[in-house]
Amino acid sequence: MAEEDRYGLPLSTTSDAAASAYREGIDLMLAGWTGTAETLERAIAADPDFALPHIARARVHAFYQQGDLARGKAALARELVAVRGTERERSHVETLALAIEGRLPEAIASTLRHVENWPRDALVLSLPLGAFGLFAFSGMADHDRARHELCERVAQHYGEDWWFLTMSGWAMTENGDVARGRAVTERGFDLHRANAHAAHAVLHAMFEDGSIEAADRLVDDWIPSYDRAGILHGHIRWHQALGALEHGDAARALSIYADVLQPSATQAPPLNLITDAASLLWRLSAYGHTVPKALWLDADASAQKLFPKSGLSFADIHMALFAAATQNRAALAARLAAIEQRLAEGKLPAGPVVPAIFCALAAFADEDYATCAQTLAPVLGEVVRIGGSHAQRELVEDTYIVALMRSGELARARAVLDARLHRRPSLRDTRWQAATG
């Protein structure tokens, strides 16, 4: 009997061991679970000429910004699948390779073609989904809607699949259908609890509907089952730290930072490391809480090693937080100049919103709150283009609110807050009281 993946797609291997390890490895990847790399290596060892575990292993390398290893395995997968692979497998390898190489427009086009032909190829379908997916980092202003619509188009092919429910539910949540999104995601989570992406997606729904206490309990109850080496371990605790800040509990947020988010403690991929650290420390400072300067300097030193040059706009914005908070005007100016050059050359997908946020953060750090607010006001509707999730992007709106307050524009700040309170009724005013000093 021919080997197949869990979704019924043929696999070009005659090795039961290779096919079994590959199926297991893909499930672990789709769940954000530990053991993914090791399991894929077992598949490779069982059948070195089987291309698919090589490209999947390349994707794991890419998660951790191991670019040379990722590109090397992608190149090998291309060679292998050309010799022994179906049309579906060749398209699968090519699509993932384009994503690994950072060729976003080509990767998106290839993904959509592939999914049209093989909608149950879950690993390819996963590429544009999530806060760090191809759609989110494409510069699209409607990437939340695009993810939701893509999931709706293929939903008939997945039924009650635990992975698909997780991702389609999260897409609903981010697209504004929070109640339905939470219900769908929780259904997927109940089907497969060893699924960090599901726990994460449920936390996003709870963030949006104001279930802060329930989110805190979920993390406390579930996180002991998830190894600290898990790709989302630190980020899930970051969500818990945001919940602490909702209640003005800076001490708990800093405790979580020390435990799992600071560079010396985290095992997160580089992008999670810099974004979780910078955004939490910035929020703490913006809300009026004391953040030891040593924490900023330590995190900034690690971030500079990981992202020394301008590249991904979402990363650049967080690098701007580090530069602004540490008063490193030279670093801020250098990265801003590189971004403006890319914008002038038409190579900045997110567009003018990126340099605008840079300038606003610099003004905020200089305590020029009026300029910060004036710079952000016209681009708030474009912040979505930097990617990430709504919970992550809300940091920019937070900065705007605090800048309005500190520049005496209390009525405008109240209007923004009222809109948020309507969306998230559990929001506590305590943090804004601290922010105004």
Protein backbone atom coordinates (compact mmCIF):
# COMPACT_ATOMS: atom_id res chain seq x y z
CA MET A 1 0.00 0.00 0.00
CA ALA A 2 1.36 3.44 -0.95
CA GLU A 3 2.36 5.73 1.86
CA GLU A 4 0.25 8.83 2.55
CA ASP A 5 0.40 11.82 4.87
CA ARG A 6 -2.29 12.37 7.51
CA TYR A 7 -4.42 14.24 4.98
CA GLY A 8 -4.43 11.40 2.45
CA LEU A 9 -1.82 12.83 0.06
CA PRO A 10 0.65 10.33 -1.47
CA LEU A 11 4.25 10.32 -0.24
CA SER A 12 7.15 9.32 -2.49
CA THR A 13 8.78 6.89 -0.11
CA THR A 14 8.54 3.14 0.35
CA SER A 15 9.90 3.36 3.89
CA ASP A 16 7.26 2.88 6.56
CA ALA A 17 9.65 4.40 9.10
CA ALA A 18 10.27 7.50 6.98
CA ALA A 19 6.57 8.03 6.29
CA SER A 20 5.60 7.52 9.92
CA ALA A 21 8.26 9.92 11.21
CA TYR A 22 7.32 12.47 8.55
CA ARG A 23 3.64 12.35 9.52
CA GLU A 24 4.54 12.72 13.17
CA GLY A 25 6.98 15.56 12.47
CA ILE A 26 4.45 17.54 10.46
CA ASP A 27 1.84 17.15 13.19
CA LEU A 28 4.36 18.39 15.76
CA MET A 29 5.18 21.38 13.54
CA LEU A 30 1.51 22.22 13.00
CA ALA A 31 1.03 22.07 16.77
CA GLY A 32 4.12 24.17 17.55
CA TRP A 33 5.33 21.30 19.70
CA THR A 34 8.78 20.23 20.76
CA GLY A 35 10.50 17.33 19.01
CA THR A 36 9.68 18.54 15.49
CA ALA A 37 13.27 18.81 14.27
CA GLU A 38 14.35 15.51 15.82
CA THR A 39 11.37 13.66 14.34
CA LEU A 40 12.00 15.04 10.87
CA GLU A 41 15.66 14.03 11.17
CA ARG A 42 14.47 10.48 11.85
CA ALA A 43 12.45 10.60 8.64
CA ILE A 44 15.51 11.82 6.72
CA ALA A 45 17.69 9.07 8.22
CA ALA A 46 15.14 6.41 7.28
CA ASP A 47 15.02 7.58 3.64
CA PRO A 48 17.63 10.22 2.72
CA ASP A 49 16.20 10.61 -0.80
CA PHE A 50 12.69 11.48 0.41
CA ALA A 51 12.43 15.22 -0.31
CA LEU A 52 9.57 16.28 1.92
CA PRO A 53 11.22 15.88 5.34
CA HIS A 54 14.18 17.89 4.03
CA ILE A 55 12.01 20.88 3.10
CA ALA A 56 10.07 20.60 6.35
CA ARG A 57 13.35 20.56 8.27
CA ALA A 58 14.42 23.62 6.29
CA ARG A 59 11.30 25.41 7.49
CA VAL A 60 12.19 24.70 11.12
CA HIS A 61 15.67 26.12 10.50
CA ALA A 62 13.99 29.22 9.03
CA PHE A 63 11.88 29.66 12.16
CA TYR A 64 15.10 30.02 14.13
CA GLN A 65 16.75 32.30 11.56
CA GLN A 66 19.31 29.66 10.60
CA GLY A 67 19.37 30.95 7.05
CA ASP A 68 22.28 29.00 5.59
CA LEU A 69 21.00 25.69 6.92
CA ALA A 70 17.47 26.44 5.76
CA ARG A 71 18.53 27.41 2.24
CA GLY A 72 20.88 24.43 2.00
CA LYS A 73 18.17 21.94 2.90
CA ALA A 74 15.71 23.68 0.58
CA ALA A 75 18.18 23.36 -2.31
CA LEU A 76 18.68 19.67 -1.53
CA ALA A 77 14.92 19.11 -1.38
CA ARG A 78 14.55 20.69 -4.82
CA GLU A 79 17.18 18.32 -6.24
CA LEU A 80 15.64 15.24 -4.61
CA VAL A 81 12.04 15.97 -5.57
CA ALA A 82 13.04 16.51 -9.20
CA VAL A 83 14.30 12.93 -9.28
CA ARG A 84 11.70 11.27 -7.10
CA GLY A 85 8.54 13.21 -6.47
CA THR A 86 4.98 13.73 -7.67
CA GLU A 87 3.72 16.95 -9.21
CA ARG A 88 2.18 17.83 -5.84
CA GLU A 89 5.45 17.21 -4.01
CA ARG A 90 7.43 19.30 -6.49
CA SER A 91 5.01 22.19 -6.05
CA HIS A 92 5.07 21.68 -2.26
CA VAL A 93 8.88 21.85 -2.14
CA GLU A 94 9.07 24.86 -4.45
CA THR A 95 6.46 26.82 -2.50
CA LEU A 96 8.14 26.25 0.85
CA ALA A 97 11.55 27.00 -0.68
CA LEU A 98 10.32 30.37 -1.98
CA ALA A 99 9.02 31.23 1.49
CA ILE A 100 12.30 30.17 3.10
CA GLU A 101 14.23 32.35 0.65
CA GLY A 102 12.12 35.37 1.57
CA ARG A 103 10.63 35.73 -1.92
CA LEU A 104 7.24 36.76 -0.54
CA PRO A 105 5.25 37.74 -3.66
CA GLU A 106 6.37 34.58 -5.46
CA ALA A 107 5.73 32.45 -2.39
CA ILE A 108 2.21 33.84 -1.99
CA ALA A 109 1.38 33.27 -5.65
CA SER A 110 2.77 29.74 -5.50
CA THR A 111 0.87 29.01 -2.28
CA LEU A 112 -2.47 30.08 -3.74
CA ARG A 113 -1.91 28.01 -6.90
CA HIS A 114 -0.91 25.01 -4.83
CA VAL A 115 -3.85 25.24 -2.44
CA GLU A 116 -6.22 25.52 -5.38
CA ASN A 117 -4.95 22.17 -6.66
CA TRP A 118 -4.25 20.42 -3.34
CA PRO A 119 -6.34 22.10 -0.64
CA ARG A 120 -5.50 19.42 1.93
CA ASP A 121 -1.77 20.11 1.83
CA ALA A 122 -1.81 21.57 5.33
CA LEU A 123 1.86 22.55 5.54
CA VAL A 124 1.59 24.72 2.42
CA LEU A 125 -1.75 26.12 3.60
CA SER A 126 -0.10 27.10 6.88
CA LEU A 127 2.34 29.46 5.11
CA PRO A 128 0.01 32.47 4.73
CA LEU A 129 -1.80 31.93 8.05
CA GLY A 130 -1.02 33.30 11.50
CA ALA A 131 0.46 36.58 12.70
CA PHE A 132 3.90 35.80 11.22
CA GLY A 133 2.66 34.26 7.97
CA LEU A 134 3.14 35.30 4.36
CA PHE A 135 -0.05 37.37 4.28
CA ALA A 136 0.76 39.23 7.50
CA PHE A 137 4.24 40.20 6.32
CA SER A 138 3.22 41.01 2.75
CA GLY A 139 2.35 44.65 3.48
CA MET A 140 -1.33 43.96 2.74
CA ALA A 141 -3.76 46.22 4.58
CA ASP A 142 -6.40 43.48 4.53
CA HIS A 143 -4.30 40.46 5.53
CA ASP A 144 -6.67 39.60 8.40
CA ARG A 145 -9.56 39.32 5.96
CA ALA A 146 -7.42 37.47 3.41
CA ARG A 147 -6.56 34.74 5.93
CA HIS A 148 -10.18 34.35 6.92
CA GLU A 149 -11.38 34.16 3.34
CA LEU A 150 -8.71 31.61 2.43
CA CYS A 151 -9.78 29.39 5.33
CA GLU A 152 -13.43 29.73 4.34
CA ARG A 153 -12.61 28.60 0.78
CA VAL A 154 -10.98 25.36 1.90
CA ALA A 155 -12.99 24.60 5.04
CA GLN A 156 -15.04 21.91 3.28
CA HIS A 157 -11.85 19.88 2.79
CA TYR A 158 -10.93 19.75 6.49
CA GLY A 159 -14.06 19.17 8.53
CA GLU A 160 -13.23 18.77 12.22
CA ASP A 161 -9.46 18.62 11.76
CA TRP A 162 -7.82 19.94 14.93
CA TRP A 163 -5.14 21.96 13.12
CA PHE A 164 -7.52 23.58 10.66
CA LEU A 165 -10.04 24.51 13.36
CA THR A 166 -7.23 26.16 15.29
CA MET A 167 -6.04 28.31 12.41
CA SER A 168 -9.40 29.10 10.85
CA GLY A 169 -10.78 30.08 14.25
CA TRP A 170 -7.85 32.41 14.85
CA ALA A 171 -8.38 33.95 11.40
CA MET A 172 -12.00 34.65 12.35
CA THR A 173 -10.89 36.28 15.59
CA GLU A 174 -8.34 38.54 13.94
CA ASN A 175 -10.89 39.47 11.27
CA GLY A 176 -13.30 40.70 13.94
CA ASP A 177 -15.61 37.71 14.38
CA VAL A 178 -14.35 37.08 17.91
CA ALA A 179 -17.18 35.02 19.39
CA ARG A 180 -17.26 32.59 16.48
CA GLY A 181 -13.47 32.53 16.28
CA ARG A 182 -13.11 31.64 19.94
CA ALA A 183 -15.68 28.86 19.69
CA VAL A 184 -14.04 27.30 16.62
CA THR A 185 -10.54 27.56 18.08
CA GLU A 186 -11.63 26.05 21.39
CA ARG A 187 -13.19 23.15 19.47
CA GLY A 188 -9.85 22.47 17.81
CA PHE A 189 -8.03 22.82 21.12
CA ASP A 190 -10.36 20.32 22.77
CA LEU A 191 -9.64 17.81 20.00
CA HIS A 192 -5.87 18.05 20.50
CA ARG A 193 -4.60 19.68 23.69
CA ALA A 194 -0.90 19.18 22.84
CA ASN A 195 -1.22 22.11 20.45
CA ALA A 196 0.54 25.35 21.33
CA HIS A 197 -0.94 27.14 18.32
CA ALA A 198 -4.43 26.39 19.64
CA ALA A 199 -3.62 27.60 23.15
CA HIS A 200 -2.16 30.73 21.59
CA ALA A 201 -5.17 31.32 19.33
CA VAL A 202 -7.58 30.93 22.24
CA LEU A 203 -5.56 33.51 24.18
CA HIS A 204 -5.96 35.95 21.29
CA ALA A 205 -9.73 35.49 21.36
CA MET A 206 -9.73 36.01 25.12
CA PHE A 207 -7.64 39.17 24.69
CA GLU A 208 -10.18 40.51 22.22
CA ASP A 209 -13.30 39.63 24.21
CA GLY A 210 -11.86 40.81 27.53
CA SER A 211 -11.61 37.42 29.27
CA ILE A 212 -8.39 38.38 31.05
CA GLU A 213 -8.91 36.25 34.18
CA ALA A 214 -9.90 33.21 32.08
CA ALA A 215 -6.79 33.67 29.93
CA ASP A 216 -4.60 33.76 33.02
CA ARG A 217 -6.14 30.53 34.30
CA LEU A 218 -5.74 28.88 30.90
CA VAL A 219 -2.01 29.60 30.86
CA ASP A 220 -1.52 28.46 34.45
CA ASP A 221 -3.40 25.21 33.83
CA TRP A 222 -1.95 24.38 30.41
CA ILE A 223 1.65 25.66 30.35
CA PRO A 224 3.07 22.89 32.61
CA SER A 225 2.40 20.44 29.76
CA TYR A 226 4.49 22.49 27.33
CA ASP A 227 8.27 22.36 27.43
CA ARG A 228 10.14 25.65 27.82
CA ALA A 229 11.90 24.85 24.55
CA GLY A 230 8.57 25.01 22.71
CA ILE A 231 8.50 27.61 19.95
CA LEU A 232 5.59 29.49 21.57
CA HIS A 233 6.34 28.92 25.26
CA GLY A 234 7.68 32.40 25.93
CA HIS A 235 5.10 34.11 23.75
CA ILE A 236 2.23 32.41 25.56
CA ARG A 237 3.63 33.72 28.84
CA TRP A 238 3.92 37.14 27.15
CA HIS A 239 0.16 37.05 26.75
CA GLN A 240 -0.08 36.37 30.47
CA ALA A 241 2.14 39.38 31.15
CA LEU A 242 -0.20 41.56 29.06
CA GLY A 243 -3.04 40.35 31.25
CA ALA A 244 -1.09 41.39 34.35
CA LEU A 245 -0.67 44.86 32.85
CA GLU A 246 -4.41 45.08 32.23
CA HIS A 247 -4.69 44.97 36.02
CA GLY A 248 -1.78 47.32 36.64
CA ASP A 249 0.34 44.49 38.07
CA ALA A 250 3.76 45.57 36.82
CA ALA A 251 5.59 43.36 39.30
CA ARG A 252 4.02 40.22 37.86
CA ALA A 253 4.70 41.32 34.29
CA LEU A 254 8.36 41.89 35.14
CA SER A 255 8.50 38.53 36.89
CA ILE A 256 7.24 36.79 33.75
CA TYR A 257 9.78 38.76 31.71
CA ALA A 258 12.61 37.60 33.98
CA ASP A 259 11.41 34.00 33.92
CA VAL A 260 10.93 33.35 30.21
CA LEU A 261 11.27 36.46 28.02
CA GLN A 262 14.61 38.10 28.70
CA PRO A 263 17.39 36.95 26.34
CA SER A 264 19.26 34.95 28.99
CA ALA A 265 16.12 32.96 29.81
CA THR A 266 14.22 32.50 26.57
CA GLN A 267 14.51 29.67 24.07
CA ALA A 268 12.26 31.45 21.58
CA PRO A 269 13.05 32.03 17.90
CA PRO A 270 14.78 35.36 17.21
CA LEU A 271 11.71 37.22 15.97
CA ASN A 272 9.71 36.25 19.05
CA LEU A 273 12.64 37.12 21.28
CA ILE A 274 12.97 40.71 20.12
CA THR A 275 9.26 41.46 19.66
CA ASP A 276 8.11 40.02 22.98
CA ALA A 277 10.92 41.66 24.94
CA ALA A 278 10.71 45.10 23.31
CA SER A 279 6.94 45.35 23.34
CA LEU A 280 6.50 44.29 26.96
CA LEU A 281 9.23 46.60 28.27
CA TRP A 282 7.88 49.49 26.18
CA ARG A 283 4.35 48.97 27.46
CA LEU A 284 5.59 48.89 31.04
CA SER A 285 7.46 52.15 30.57
CA ALA A 286 4.65 53.83 28.64
CA TYR A 287 2.13 52.98 31.35
CA GLY A 288 4.31 54.73 33.90
CA HIS A 289 6.02 51.75 35.52
CA THR A 290 9.74 51.67 36.24
CA VAL A 291 11.80 49.43 33.98
CA PRO A 292 15.45 49.04 35.05
CA LYS A 293 17.65 50.42 32.29
CA ALA A 294 19.79 47.29 32.50
CA LEU A 295 16.86 45.26 31.14
CA TRP A 296 16.64 47.47 28.08
CA LEU A 297 20.39 47.45 27.49
CA ASP A 298 20.66 43.68 27.86
CA ALA A 299 17.77 42.98 25.49
CA ASP A 300 19.01 45.57 23.01
CA ALA A 301 22.47 43.97 22.91
CA SER A 302 20.93 40.63 21.96
CA ALA A 303 18.57 42.21 19.45
CA GLN A 304 21.37 44.05 17.67
CA LYS A 305 23.17 40.75 17.11
CA LEU A 306 20.05 39.07 15.75
CA PHE A 307 18.78 41.92 13.56
CA PRO A 308 21.77 44.16 12.79
CA LYS A 309 20.29 45.48 9.53
CA SER A 310 16.90 46.68 8.34
CA GLY A 311 14.77 43.98 6.79
CA LEU A 312 11.36 42.80 7.95
CA SER A 313 9.24 45.83 8.89
CA PHE A 314 7.74 44.12 11.94
CA ALA A 315 11.23 43.46 13.30
CA ASP A 316 12.36 46.98 12.39
CA ILE A 317 9.55 48.56 14.42
CA HIS A 318 10.63 46.59 17.49
CA MET A 319 14.26 47.49 16.90
CA ALA A 320 13.09 51.12 16.91
CA LEU A 321 11.60 50.52 20.36
CA PHE A 322 14.99 49.39 21.62
CA ALA A 323 16.79 52.35 20.05
CA ALA A 324 14.27 54.87 21.36
CA ALA A 325 14.17 53.44 24.87
CA THR A 326 17.97 53.36 25.16
CA GLN A 327 18.29 56.82 23.59
CA ASN A 328 20.46 55.36 20.85
CA ARG A 329 19.75 58.05 18.29
CA ALA A 330 22.51 56.87 15.98
CA ALA A 331 20.98 53.39 15.69
CA LEU A 332 17.52 54.87 15.20
CA ALA A 333 18.73 57.25 12.49
CA ALA A 334 20.71 54.57 10.66
CA ARG A 335 17.83 52.13 10.52
CA LEU A 336 15.39 54.89 9.57
CA ALA A 337 17.68 55.96 6.71
CA ALA A 338 17.81 52.37 5.42
CA ILE A 339 14.02 52.10 5.62
CA GLU A 340 13.50 55.38 3.80
CA GLN A 341 15.88 54.21 1.09
CA ARG A 342 13.91 50.99 0.66
CA LEU A 343 10.70 53.02 0.54
CA ALA A 344 12.14 55.25 -2.18
CA GLU A 345 13.14 52.17 -4.18
CA GLY A 346 9.69 50.62 -3.85
CA LYS A 347 11.05 47.77 -1.71
CA LEU A 348 9.13 48.44 1.52
CA PRO A 349 5.86 46.46 1.30
CA ALA A 350 4.35 48.05 4.43
CA GLY A 351 4.91 51.53 2.98
CA PRO A 352 5.20 54.95 4.67
CA VAL A 353 3.67 53.79 7.95
CA VAL A 354 7.02 52.26 8.94
CA PRO A 355 9.15 55.44 8.90
CA ALA A 356 6.23 57.33 10.47
CA ILE A 357 6.20 54.96 13.46
CA PHE A 358 9.98 55.33 13.74
CA CYS A 359 9.70 59.12 13.94
CA ALA A 360 6.86 58.92 16.44
CA LEU A 361 8.76 56.57 18.72
CA ALA A 362 11.81 58.85 18.61
CA ALA A 363 9.63 61.80 19.60
CA PHE A 364 8.05 59.80 22.43
CA ALA A 365 11.47 58.86 23.79
CA ASP A 366 12.44 62.55 23.66
CA GLU A 367 9.26 63.36 25.64
CA ASP A 368 7.95 65.36 22.68
CA TYR A 369 4.51 63.84 23.08
CA ALA A 370 2.67 66.33 20.88
CA THR A 371 4.89 65.48 17.90
CA CYS A 372 4.52 61.77 18.61
CA ALA A 373 0.72 62.04 18.56
CA GLN A 374 0.69 64.27 15.48
CA THR A 375 2.93 61.82 13.61
CA LEU A 376 0.89 58.75 14.51
CA ALA A 377 -2.61 60.17 14.01
CA PRO A 378 -2.64 60.04 10.18
CA VAL A 379 -1.16 56.53 9.94
CA LEU A 380 -3.04 54.60 12.65
CA GLY A 381 -5.26 53.01 10.03
CA GLU A 382 -2.17 51.73 8.20
CA VAL A 383 -0.43 50.07 11.17
CA VAL A 384 -2.01 46.76 10.18
CA ARG A 385 0.41 46.68 7.23
CA ILE A 386 3.43 45.95 9.45
CA GLY A 387 2.02 42.48 10.21
CA GLY A 388 1.79 40.64 13.48
CA SER A 389 -1.42 40.21 15.43
CA HIS A 390 -3.88 42.82 16.63
CA ALA A 391 -2.65 42.28 20.20
CA GLN A 392 0.90 43.04 19.08
CA ARG A 393 0.02 46.03 16.92
CA GLU A 394 -2.03 47.58 19.72
CA LEU A 395 1.27 48.79 21.15
CA VAL A 396 1.26 51.58 18.56
CA GLU A 397 -2.20 52.70 19.61
CA ASP A 398 -1.10 52.49 23.26
CA THR A 399 1.77 54.84 22.49
CA TYR A 400 -0.62 57.21 20.74
CA ILE A 401 -3.01 57.25 23.72
CA VAL A 402 -0.24 57.95 26.21
CA ALA A 403 1.23 60.65 23.97
CA LEU A 404 -2.17 62.35 23.78
CA MET A 405 -2.54 62.21 27.54
CA ARG A 406 0.91 63.57 28.25
CA SER A 407 0.47 66.37 25.73
CA GLY A 408 -2.79 67.46 27.36
CA GLU A 409 -5.09 66.12 24.64
CA LEU A 410 -7.30 64.31 27.14
CA ALA A 411 -10.52 64.49 25.14
CA ARG A 412 -8.91 62.88 22.09
CA ALA A 413 -7.31 60.22 24.29
CA ARG A 414 -10.67 59.51 25.88
CA ALA A 415 -12.28 59.05 22.46
CA VAL A 416 -9.69 56.44 21.48
CA LEU A 417 -10.08 54.72 24.83
CA ASP A 418 -13.87 54.69 24.56
CA ALA A 419 -13.62 52.93 21.22
CA ARG A 420 -11.37 50.32 22.77
CA LEU A 421 -13.57 49.94 25.86
CA HIS A 422 -16.49 49.25 23.55
CA ARG A 423 -14.48 46.48 21.91
CA ARG A 424 -12.91 45.14 25.11
CA PRO A 425 -15.12 45.96 28.10
CA SER A 426 -12.75 44.51 30.70
CA LEU A 427 -10.06 47.12 30.04
CA ARG A 428 -8.83 48.67 33.28
CA ASP A 429 -8.20 52.40 33.51
CA THR A 430 -5.51 51.89 36.17
CA ARG A 431 -2.71 51.64 33.64
CA TRP A 432 -3.74 54.90 31.98
CA GLN A 433 -3.77 56.64 35.34
CA ALA A 434 -0.18 55.48 35.83
CA ALA A 435 0.70 56.61 32.35
CA THR A 436 -0.29 60.18 33.04
CA GLY A 437 1.86 60.24 36.18
